[in-house]
Amino acid sequence: MAKQLDQVLVIDVEATCWEDKPPEGQQSEIIEIGVAIVATKEKSLVHKEGIIIKPEYSEVSPFCTSLTTLTPEMVASGVSFKDACKRLRKEFMSQQCTWVSYGDYDRRQFERDCREKKVGYPFGTTHLNVKNLLALMYGWEREVGMATALEQLQLPLEGTHHRGIDDAWNIAKLFVHLLECFQKG
Protein backbone atom coordinates (compact mmCIF):
# COMPACT_ATOMS: atom_id res chain seq x y z
CA MET A 1 0.00 0.00 0.00
CA ALA A 2 1.40 3.39 -0.98
CA LYS A 3 2.11 5.98 1.68
CA GLN A 4 -0.03 9.07 1.65
CA LEU A 5 2.22 12.09 1.81
CA ASP A 6 -0.40 14.80 1.47
CA GLN A 7 -1.01 14.70 5.20
CA VAL A 8 1.02 13.75 8.23
CA LEU A 9 -0.35 12.64 11.59
CA VAL A 10 1.20 14.25 14.62
CA ILE A 11 0.74 12.13 17.73
CA ASP A 12 1.35 12.94 21.37
CA VAL A 13 0.41 10.61 24.19
CA GLU A 14 -0.12 11.16 27.86
CA ALA A 15 0.24 8.15 30.13
CA THR A 16 -0.38 7.34 33.75
CA CYS A 17 2.56 8.45 35.84
CA TRP A 18 3.69 8.83 39.41
CA GLU A 19 6.11 11.05 41.26
CA ASP A 20 8.20 7.95 41.98
CA LYS A 21 7.82 4.31 40.97
CA PRO A 22 4.35 2.97 40.05
CA PRO A 23 2.42 1.44 42.95
CA GLU A 24 2.49 -2.33 43.20
CA GLY A 25 0.50 -3.91 40.35
CA GLN A 26 0.29 -0.72 38.27
CA GLN A 27 2.18 0.33 35.15
CA SER A 28 2.35 3.33 32.87
CA GLU A 29 -0.24 3.19 30.09
CA ILE A 30 -1.70 5.63 27.58
CA ILE A 31 -4.64 7.69 28.82
CA GLU A 32 -4.78 10.32 26.06
CA ILE A 33 -3.85 10.32 22.40
CA GLY A 34 -3.48 13.79 20.94
CA VAL A 35 -3.82 13.88 17.16
CA ALA A 36 -3.06 16.79 14.86
CA ILE A 37 -3.13 16.67 11.08
CA VAL A 38 -0.72 18.65 8.94
CA ALA A 39 -1.50 19.22 5.25
CA THR A 40 2.01 18.96 3.81
CA LYS A 41 1.56 20.80 0.49
CA GLU A 42 -0.16 23.75 2.17
CA LYS A 43 2.10 23.51 5.23
CA SER A 44 -0.91 24.07 7.45
CA LEU A 45 -2.48 22.57 10.52
CA VAL A 46 -5.95 21.36 9.65
CA HIS A 47 -7.28 19.39 12.60
CA LYS A 48 -6.66 18.52 16.24
CA GLU A 49 -8.36 16.08 18.52
CA GLY A 50 -7.85 14.28 21.79
CA ILE A 51 -8.89 10.70 22.45
CA ILE A 52 -9.28 9.93 26.16
CA ILE A 53 -8.57 6.31 27.11
CA LYS A 54 -9.71 4.41 30.15
CA PRO A 55 -6.67 2.71 31.71
CA GLU A 56 -6.78 -1.04 32.34
CA TYR A 57 -3.79 -1.57 34.63
CA SER A 58 -3.39 1.66 36.55
CA GLU A 59 -5.05 4.64 38.15
CA VAL A 60 -4.48 8.33 37.52
CA SER A 61 -2.36 9.57 40.43
CA PRO A 62 -2.59 13.08 41.91
CA PHE A 63 0.87 13.71 40.39
CA CYS A 64 -0.45 12.67 36.95
CA THR A 65 -3.45 15.00 37.32
CA SER A 66 -1.21 17.91 38.34
CA LEU A 67 1.00 17.30 35.29
CA THR A 68 -1.66 16.57 32.64
CA THR A 69 -4.92 17.96 34.11
CA LEU A 70 -6.46 14.54 33.36
CA THR A 71 -8.49 13.32 36.33
CA PRO A 72 -9.61 9.80 37.28
CA GLU A 73 -13.17 10.86 36.44
CA MET A 74 -12.19 12.06 32.96
CA VAL A 75 -10.42 8.84 32.02
CA ALA A 76 -13.13 6.64 33.59
CA SER A 77 -15.44 7.66 30.74
CA GLY A 78 -12.76 7.18 28.08
CA VAL A 79 -12.70 4.55 25.36
CA SER A 80 -10.64 1.37 25.47
CA PHE A 81 -7.13 1.42 24.06
CA LYS A 82 -8.27 -1.12 21.45
CA ASP A 83 -11.11 1.16 20.31
CA ALA A 84 -8.78 4.17 20.20
CA CYS A 85 -6.40 2.24 17.91
CA LYS A 86 -9.30 1.18 15.67
CA ARG A 87 -10.32 4.82 15.44
CA LEU A 88 -6.79 5.89 14.47
CA ARG A 89 -6.77 3.31 11.67
CA LYS A 90 -10.30 4.02 10.42
CA GLU A 91 -10.76 7.78 10.82
CA PHE A 92 -7.16 8.95 10.48
CA MET A 93 -5.83 6.23 8.12
CA SER A 94 -2.89 5.93 10.51
CA GLN A 95 -1.39 2.90 8.76
CA GLN A 96 -1.16 4.73 5.43
CA CYS A 97 0.30 7.99 6.73
CA THR A 98 3.67 9.07 7.94
CA TRP A 99 3.35 9.89 11.61
CA VAL A 100 5.48 12.13 13.77
CA SER A 101 6.01 12.66 17.46
CA TYR A 102 8.34 14.67 19.62
CA GLY A 103 10.99 12.16 20.65
CA ASP A 104 10.70 8.37 20.76
CA TYR A 105 8.68 8.09 23.96
CA ASP A 106 5.31 8.10 22.18
CA ARG A 107 6.35 5.42 19.67
CA ARG A 108 7.80 3.19 22.39
CA GLN A 109 4.75 3.65 24.66
CA PHE A 110 2.45 2.68 21.77
CA GLU A 111 4.55 -0.40 21.04
CA ARG A 112 4.49 -1.41 24.72
CA ASP A 113 0.73 -0.85 25.15
CA CYS A 114 -0.04 -2.72 21.93
CA ARG A 115 2.12 -5.66 22.98
CA GLU A 116 0.76 -5.85 26.52
CA LYS A 117 -2.88 -5.36 25.54
CA LYS A 118 -2.60 -7.59 22.45
CA VAL A 119 -3.78 -4.82 20.13
CA GLY A 120 -2.52 -4.39 16.58
CA TYR A 121 -0.06 -1.52 16.17
CA PRO A 122 -2.13 1.29 14.56
CA PHE A 123 0.67 2.93 12.57
CA GLY A 124 2.71 2.12 9.50
CA THR A 125 6.47 1.87 9.53
CA THR A 126 7.31 5.52 8.80
CA HIS A 127 7.84 7.55 11.96
CA LEU A 128 9.64 10.89 12.18
CA ASN A 129 11.14 12.23 15.39
CA VAL A 130 10.70 16.02 15.34
CA LYS A 131 12.84 16.45 18.47
CA ASN A 132 15.79 14.82 16.72
CA LEU A 133 15.24 16.58 13.40
CA LEU A 134 15.18 20.03 15.04
CA ALA A 135 18.41 19.37 16.96
CA LEU A 136 20.14 18.17 13.79
CA MET A 137 18.83 21.01 11.64
CA TYR A 138 19.81 23.77 14.06
CA GLY A 139 23.05 22.20 15.26
CA TRP A 140 21.90 22.16 18.87
CA GLU A 141 24.28 20.35 21.22
CA ARG A 142 21.44 18.16 22.43
CA GLU A 143 17.76 17.57 21.88
CA VAL A 144 15.53 19.93 23.85
CA GLY A 145 12.00 19.66 25.20
CA MET A 146 9.06 20.78 23.11
CA ALA A 147 8.40 23.97 25.11
CA THR A 148 12.07 24.95 24.83
CA ALA A 149 12.08 24.30 21.08
CA LEU A 150 9.00 26.49 20.62
CA GLU A 151 10.65 29.23 22.67
CA GLN A 152 13.93 29.03 20.73
CA LEU A 153 12.04 29.27 17.44
CA GLN A 154 9.84 32.09 18.77
CA LEU A 155 6.64 30.11 18.34
CA PRO A 156 3.97 30.41 21.05
CA LEU A 157 3.03 27.41 23.16
CA GLU A 158 -0.72 27.05 22.76
CA GLY A 159 -3.03 25.35 25.23
CA THR A 160 -2.02 23.25 28.21
CA HIS A 161 1.45 21.70 28.18
CA HIS A 162 1.26 17.94 28.86
CA ARG A 163 -2.22 17.57 27.40
CA GLY A 164 -2.03 15.33 24.34
CA ILE A 165 -4.41 17.38 22.21
CA ASP A 166 -2.48 20.62 22.82
CA ASP A 167 1.00 19.09 22.66
CA ALA A 168 0.14 17.42 19.34
CA TRP A 169 -0.91 20.83 18.00
CA ASN A 170 2.32 22.46 19.21
CA ILE A 171 4.42 19.63 17.75
CA ALA A 172 2.53 20.09 14.48
CA LYS A 173 3.59 23.76 14.47
CA LEU A 174 7.21 22.65 14.88
CA PHE A 175 6.78 20.14 12.05
CA VAL A 176 5.33 22.82 9.76
CA HIS A 177 8.33 25.00 10.64
CA LEU A 178 10.62 22.14 9.56
CA LEU A 179 8.69 21.70 6.29
CA GLU A 180 9.04 25.41 5.54
CA CYS A 181 12.79 25.32 6.25
CA PHE A 182 13.37 22.20 4.16
CA GLN A 183 11.42 23.58 1.21
CA LYS A 184 13.26 26.91 1.31
CA GLY A 185 16.68 25.26 1.30
C-alpha atoms as a PDB file:
ATOM      1  CA  MET A   1       0.000   0.000   0.000  1.00  0.00           C
ATOM      2  CA  ALA A   2       1.400   3.392  -0.981  1.00  0.00           C
ATOM      3  CA  LYS A   3       2.114   5.979   1.682  1.00  0.00           C
ATOM      4  CA  GLN A   4      -0.030   9.068   1.648  1.00  0.00           C
ATOM      5  CA  LEU A   5       2.217  12.093   1.809  1.00  0.00           C
ATOM      6  CA  ASP A   6      -0.403  14.802   1.467  1.00  0.00           C
ATOM      7  CA  GLN A   7      -1.013  14.698   5.201  1.00  0.00           C
ATOM      8  CA  VAL A   8       1.016  13.748   8.233  1.00  0.00           C
ATOM      9  CA  LEU A   9      -0.354  12.635  11.592  1.00  0.00           C
ATOM     10  CA  VAL A  10       1.198  14.251  14.623  1.00  0.00           C
ATOM     11  CA  ILE A  11       0.738  12.130  17.725  1.00  0.00           C
ATOM     12  CA  ASP A  12       1.351  12.943  21.369  1.00  0.00           C
ATOM     13  CA  VAL A  13       0.407  10.609  24.195  1.00  0.00           C
ATOM     14  CA  GLU A  14      -0.116  11.158  27.865  1.00  0.00           C
ATOM     15  CA  ALA A  15       0.243   8.147  30.130  1.00  0.00           C
ATOM     16  CA  THR A  16      -0.383   7.336  33.752  1.00  0.00           C
ATOM     17  CA  CYS A  17       2.561   8.451  35.845  1.00  0.00           C
ATOM     18  CA  TRP A  18       3.689   8.831  39.413  1.00  0.00           C
ATOM     19  CA  GLU A  19       6.111  11.049  41.261  1.00  0.00           C
ATOM     20  CA  ASP A  20       8.197   7.951  41.975  1.00  0.00           C
ATOM     21  CA  LYS A  21       7.819   4.309  40.974  1.00  0.00           C
ATOM     22  CA  PRO A  22       4.354   2.973  40.054  1.00  0.00           C
ATOM     23  CA  PRO A  23       2.424   1.440  42.945  1.00  0.00           C
ATOM     24  CA  GLU A  24       2.488  -2.331  43.201  1.00  0.00           C
ATOM     25  CA  GLY A  25       0.503  -3.908  40.346  1.00  0.00           C
ATOM     26  CA  GLN A  26       0.288  -0.718  38.268  1.00  0.00           C
ATOM     27  CA  GLN A  27       2.178   0.325  35.151  1.00  0.00           C
ATOM     28  CA  SER A  28       2.350   3.326  32.866  1.00  0.00           C
ATOM     29  CA  GLU A  29      -0.244   3.185  30.090  1.00  0.00           C
ATOM     30  CA  ILE A  30      -1.701   5.626  27.580  1.00  0.00           C
ATOM     31  CA  ILE A  31      -4.645   7.691  28.819  1.00  0.00           C
ATOM     32  CA  GLU A  32      -4.784  10.323  26.062  1.00  0.00           C
ATOM     33  CA  ILE A  33      -3.845  10.323  22.398  1.00  0.00           C
ATOM     34  CA  GLY A  34      -3.477  13.787  20.944  1.00  0.00           C
ATOM     35  CA  VAL A  35      -3.815  13.878  17.162  1.00  0.00           C
ATOM     36  CA  ALA A  36      -3.056  16.791  14.863  1.00  0.00           C
ATOM     37  CA  ILE A  37      -3.131  16.667  11.079  1.00  0.00           C
ATOM     38  CA  VAL A  38      -0.725  18.652   8.936  1.00  0.00           C
ATOM     39  CA  ALA A  39      -1.496  19.216   5.247  1.00  0.00           C
ATOM     40  CA  THR A  40       2.010  18.965   3.814  1.00  0.00           C
ATOM     41  CA  LYS A  41       1.557  20.799   0.493  1.00  0.00           C
ATOM     42  CA  GLU A  42      -0.162  23.749   2.165  1.00  0.00           C
ATOM     43  CA  LYS A  43       2.100  23.512   5.228  1.00  0.00           C
ATOM     44  CA  SER A  44      -0.908  24.067   7.446  1.00  0.00           C
ATOM     45  CA  LEU A  45      -2.478  22.574  10.522  1.00  0.00           C
ATOM     46  CA  VAL A  46      -5.947  21.359   9.645  1.00  0.00           C
ATOM     47  CA  HIS A  47      -7.279  19.388  12.605  1.00  0.00           C
ATOM     48  CA  LYS A  48      -6.663  18.518  16.241  1.00  0.00           C
ATOM     49  CA  GLU A  49      -8.362  16.079  18.521  1.00  0.00           C
ATOM     50  CA  GLY A  50      -7.853  14.279  21.795  1.00  0.00           C
ATOM     51  CA  ILE A  51      -8.889  10.699  22.453  1.00  0.00           C
ATOM     52  CA  ILE A  52      -9.283   9.931  26.157  1.00  0.00           C
ATOM     53  CA  ILE A  53      -8.569   6.312  27.108  1.00  0.00           C
ATOM     54  CA  LYS A  54      -9.709   4.406  30.152  1.00  0.00           C
ATOM     55  CA  PRO A  55      -6.666   2.715  31.714  1.00  0.00           C
ATOM     56  CA  GLU A  56      -6.781  -1.042  32.337  1.00  0.00           C
ATOM     57  CA  TYR A  57      -3.792  -1.570  34.633  1.00  0.00           C
ATOM     58  CA  SER A  58      -3.394   1.661  36.552  1.00  0.00           C
ATOM     59  CA  GLU A  59      -5.050   4.638  38.146  1.00  0.00           C
ATOM     60  CA  VAL A  60      -4.477   8.333  37.522  1.00  0.00           C
ATOM     61  CA  SER A  61      -2.364   9.573  40.426  1.00  0.00           C
ATOM     62  CA  PRO A  62      -2.588  13.078  41.912  1.00  0.00           C
ATOM     63  CA  PHE A  63       0.872  13.710  40.391  1.00  0.00           C
ATOM     64  CA  CYS A  64      -0.446  12.674  36.949  1.00  0.00           C
ATOM     65  CA  THR A  65      -3.448  14.996  37.324  1.00  0.00           C
ATOM     66  CA  SER A  66      -1.214  17.910  38.340  1.00  0.00           C
ATOM     67  CA  LEU A  67       0.996  17.302  35.293  1.00  0.00           C
ATOM     68  CA  THR A  68      -1.659  16.568  32.640  1.00  0.00           C
ATOM     69  CA  THR A  69      -4.920  17.963  34.109  1.00  0.00           C
ATOM     70  CA  LEU A  70      -6.460  14.536  33.356  1.00  0.00           C
ATOM     71  CA  THR A  71      -8.486  13.324  36.330  1.00  0.00           C
ATOM     72  CA  PRO A  72      -9.612   9.805  37.280  1.00  0.00           C
ATOM     73  CA  GLU A  73     -13.174  10.861  36.436  1.00  0.00           C
ATOM     74  CA  MET A  74     -12.192  12.062  32.958  1.00  0.00           C
ATOM     75  CA  VAL A  75     -10.422   8.838  32.018  1.00  0.00           C
ATOM     76  CA  ALA A  76     -13.130   6.642  33.595  1.00  0.00           C
ATOM     77  CA  SER A  77     -15.438   7.664  30.741  1.00  0.00           C
ATOM     78  CA  GLY A  78     -12.755   7.180  28.084  1.00  0.00           C
ATOM     79  CA  VAL A  79     -12.696   4.554  25.357  1.00  0.00           C
ATOM     80  CA  SER A  80     -10.644   1.372  25.466  1.00  0.00           C
ATOM     81  CA  PHE A  81      -7.126   1.424  24.056  1.00  0.00           C
ATOM     82  CA  LYS A  82      -8.268  -1.124  21.454  1.00  0.00           C
ATOM     83  CA  ASP A  83     -11.111   1.156  20.309  1.00  0.00           C
ATOM     84  CA  ALA A  84      -8.777   4.168  20.195  1.00  0.00           C
ATOM     85  CA  CYS A  85      -6.397   2.239  17.910  1.00  0.00           C
ATOM     86  CA  LYS A  86      -9.300   1.185  15.669  1.00  0.00           C
ATOM     87  CA  ARG A  87     -10.322   4.821  15.440  1.00  0.00           C
ATOM     88  CA  LEU A  88      -6.788   5.887  14.468  1.00  0.00           C
ATOM     89  CA  ARG A  89      -6.771   3.307  11.665  1.00  0.00           C
ATOM     90  CA  LYS A  90     -10.295   4.020  10.415  1.00  0.00           C
ATOM     91  CA  GLU A  91     -10.760   7.783  10.821  1.00  0.00           C
ATOM     92  CA  PHE A  92      -7.164   8.953  10.480  1.00  0.00           C
ATOM     93  CA  MET A  93      -5.833   6.234   8.121  1.00  0.00           C
ATOM     94  CA  SER A  94      -2.894   5.926  10.510  1.00  0.00           C
ATOM     95  CA  GLN A  95      -1.395   2.902   8.761  1.00  0.00           C
ATOM     96  CA  GLN A  96      -1.158   4.731   5.430  1.00  0.00           C
ATOM     97  CA  CYS A  97       0.296   7.993   6.729  1.00  0.00           C
ATOM     98  CA  THR A  98       3.670   9.074   7.939  1.00  0.00           C
ATOM     99  CA  TRP A  99       3.346   9.893  11.608  1.00  0.00           C
ATOM    100  CA  VAL A 100       5.478  12.135  13.769  1.00  0.00           C
ATOM    101  CA  SER A 101       6.013  12.662  17.458  1.00  0.00           C
ATOM    102  CA  TYR A 102       8.341  14.675  19.624  1.00  0.00           C
ATOM    103  CA  GLY A 103      10.991  12.156  20.654  1.00  0.00           C
ATOM    104  CA  ASP A 104      10.701   8.375  20.756  1.00  0.00           C
ATOM    105  CA  TYR A 105       8.681   8.088  23.960  1.00  0.00           C
ATOM    106  CA  ASP A 106       5.305   8.098  22.179  1.00  0.00           C
ATOM    107  CA  ARG A 107       6.352   5.419  19.672  1.00  0.00           C
ATOM    108  CA  ARG A 108       7.799   3.188  22.394  1.00  0.00           C
ATOM    109  CA  GLN A 109       4.747   3.647  24.663  1.00  0.00           C
ATOM    110  CA  PHE A 110       2.450   2.685  21.769  1.00  0.00           C
ATOM    111  CA  GLU A 111       4.548  -0.404  21.040  1.00  0.00           C
ATOM    112  CA  ARG A 112       4.485  -1.414  24.722  1.00  0.00           C
ATOM    113  CA  ASP A 113       0.734  -0.851  25.147  1.00  0.00           C
ATOM    114  CA  CYS A 114      -0.043  -2.720  21.926  1.00  0.00           C
ATOM    115  CA  ARG A 115       2.119  -5.660  22.978  1.00  0.00           C
ATOM    116  CA  GLU A 116       0.765  -5.850  26.525  1.00  0.00           C
ATOM    117  CA  LYS A 117      -2.878  -5.357  25.542  1.00  0.00           C
ATOM    118  CA  LYS A 118      -2.601  -7.588  22.453  1.00  0.00           C
ATOM    119  CA  VAL A 119      -3.783  -4.819  20.134  1.00  0.00           C
ATOM    120  CA  GLY A 120      -2.523  -4.388  16.576  1.00  0.00           C
ATOM    121  CA  TYR A 121      -0.059  -1.520  16.167  1.00  0.00           C
ATOM    122  CA  PRO A 122      -2.128   1.288  14.564  1.00  0.00           C
ATOM    123  CA  PHE A 123       0.674   2.930  12.565  1.00  0.00           C
ATOM    124  CA  GLY A 124       2.708   2.125   9.500  1.00  0.00           C
ATOM    125  CA  THR A 125       6.467   1.867   9.526  1.00  0.00           C
ATOM    126  CA  THR A 126       7.314   5.518   8.802  1.00  0.00           C
ATOM    127  CA  HIS A 127       7.837   7.548  11.964  1.00  0.00           C
ATOM    128  CA  LEU A 128       9.635  10.890  12.176  1.00  0.00           C
ATOM    129  CA  ASN A 129      11.140  12.235  15.389  1.00  0.00           C
ATOM    130  CA  VAL A 130      10.702  16.022  15.342  1.00  0.00           C
ATOM    131  CA  LYS A 131      12.841  16.452  18.465  1.00  0.00           C
ATOM    132  CA  ASN A 132      15.794  14.818  16.723  1.00  0.00           C
ATOM    133  CA  LEU A 133      15.239  16.580  13.399  1.00  0.00           C
ATOM    134  CA  LEU A 134      15.182  20.030  15.038  1.00  0.00           C
ATOM    135  CA  ALA A 135      18.410  19.368  16.962  1.00  0.00           C
ATOM    136  CA  LEU A 136      20.142  18.174  13.786  1.00  0.00           C
ATOM    137  CA  MET A 137      18.830  21.007  11.637  1.00  0.00           C
ATOM    138  CA  TYR A 138      19.808  23.773  14.059  1.00  0.00           C
ATOM    139  CA  GLY A 139      23.047  22.204  15.256  1.00  0.00           C
ATOM    140  CA  TRP A 140      21.902  22.159  18.870  1.00  0.00           C
ATOM    141  CA  GLU A 141      24.282  20.350  21.221  1.00  0.00           C
ATOM    142  CA  ARG A 142      21.435  18.162  22.432  1.00  0.00           C
ATOM    143  CA  GLU A 143      17.757  17.570  21.877  1.00  0.00           C
ATOM    144  CA  VAL A 144      15.531  19.929  23.854  1.00  0.00           C
ATOM    145  CA  GLY A 145      12.005  19.658  25.203  1.00  0.00           C
ATOM    146  CA  MET A 146       9.055  20.783  23.115  1.00  0.00           C
ATOM    147  CA  ALA A 147       8.397  23.971  25.110  1.00  0.00           C
ATOM    148  CA  THR A 148      12.068  24.951  24.835  1.00  0.00           C
ATOM    149  CA  ALA A 149      12.078  24.301  21.082  1.00  0.00           C
ATOM    150  CA  LEU A 150       9.004  26.493  20.621  1.00  0.00           C
ATOM    151  CA  GLU A 151      10.654  29.231  22.671  1.00  0.00           C
ATOM    152  CA  GLN A 152      13.930  29.025  20.731  1.00  0.00           C
ATOM    153  CA  LEU A 153      12.039  29.267  17.436  1.00  0.00           C
ATOM    154  CA  GLN A 154       9.838  32.088  18.771  1.00  0.00           C
ATOM    155  CA  LEU A 155       6.637  30.106  18.341  1.00  0.00           C
ATOM    156  CA  PRO A 156       3.971  30.411  21.049  1.00  0.00           C
ATOM    157  CA  LEU A 157       3.033  27.409  23.159  1.00  0.00           C
ATOM    158  CA  GLU A 158      -0.720  27.054  22.762  1.00  0.00           C
ATOM    159  CA  GLY A 159      -3.032  25.354  25.234  1.00  0.00           C
ATOM    160  CA  THR A 160      -2.022  23.249  28.214  1.00  0.00           C
ATOM    161  CA  HIS A 161       1.445  21.700  28.179  1.00  0.00           C
ATOM    162  CA  HIS A 162       1.255  17.937  28.859  1.00  0.00           C
ATOM    163  CA  ARG A 163      -2.217  17.569  27.398  1.00  0.00           C
ATOM    164  CA  GLY A 164      -2.029  15.330  24.345  1.00  0.00           C
ATOM    165  CA  ILE A 165      -4.410  17.383  22.206  1.00  0.00           C
ATOM    166  CA  ASP A 166      -2.482  20.617  22.821  1.00  0.00           C
ATOM    167  CA  ASP A 167       0.996  19.094  22.661  1.00  0.00           C
ATOM    168  CA  ALA A 168       0.141  17.419  19.341  1.00  0.00           C
ATOM    169  CA  TRP A 169      -0.906  20.828  17.997  1.00  0.00           C
ATOM    170  CA  ASN A 170       2.317  22.464  19.206  1.00  0.00           C
ATOM    171  CA  ILE A 171       4.423  19.635  17.754  1.00  0.00           C
ATOM    172  CA  ALA A 172       2.530  20.091  14.481  1.00  0.00           C
ATOM    173  CA  LYS A 173       3.592  23.756  14.470  1.00  0.00           C
ATOM    174  CA  LEU A 174       7.211  22.647  14.879  1.00  0.00           C
ATOM    175  CA  PHE A 175       6.784  20.140  12.055  1.00  0.00           C
ATOM    176  CA  VAL A 176       5.327  22.819   9.762  1.00  0.00           C
ATOM    177  CA  HIS A 177       8.330  25.000  10.639  1.00  0.00           C
ATOM    178  CA  LEU A 178      10.622  22.143   9.557  1.00  0.00           C
ATOM    179  CA  LEU A 179       8.692  21.698   6.291  1.00  0.00           C
ATOM    180  CA  GLU A 180       9.042  25.410   5.541  1.00  0.00           C
ATOM    181  CA  CYS A 181      12.785  25.323   6.249  1.00  0.00           C
ATOM    182  CA  PHE A 182      13.373  22.205   4.160  1.00  0.00           C
ATOM    183  CA  GLN A 183      11.422  23.575   1.211  1.00  0.00           C
ATOM    184  CA  LYS A 184      13.261  26.907   1.313  1.00  0.00           C
ATOM    185  CA  GLY A 185      16.676  25.257   1.302  1.00  0.00           C
END
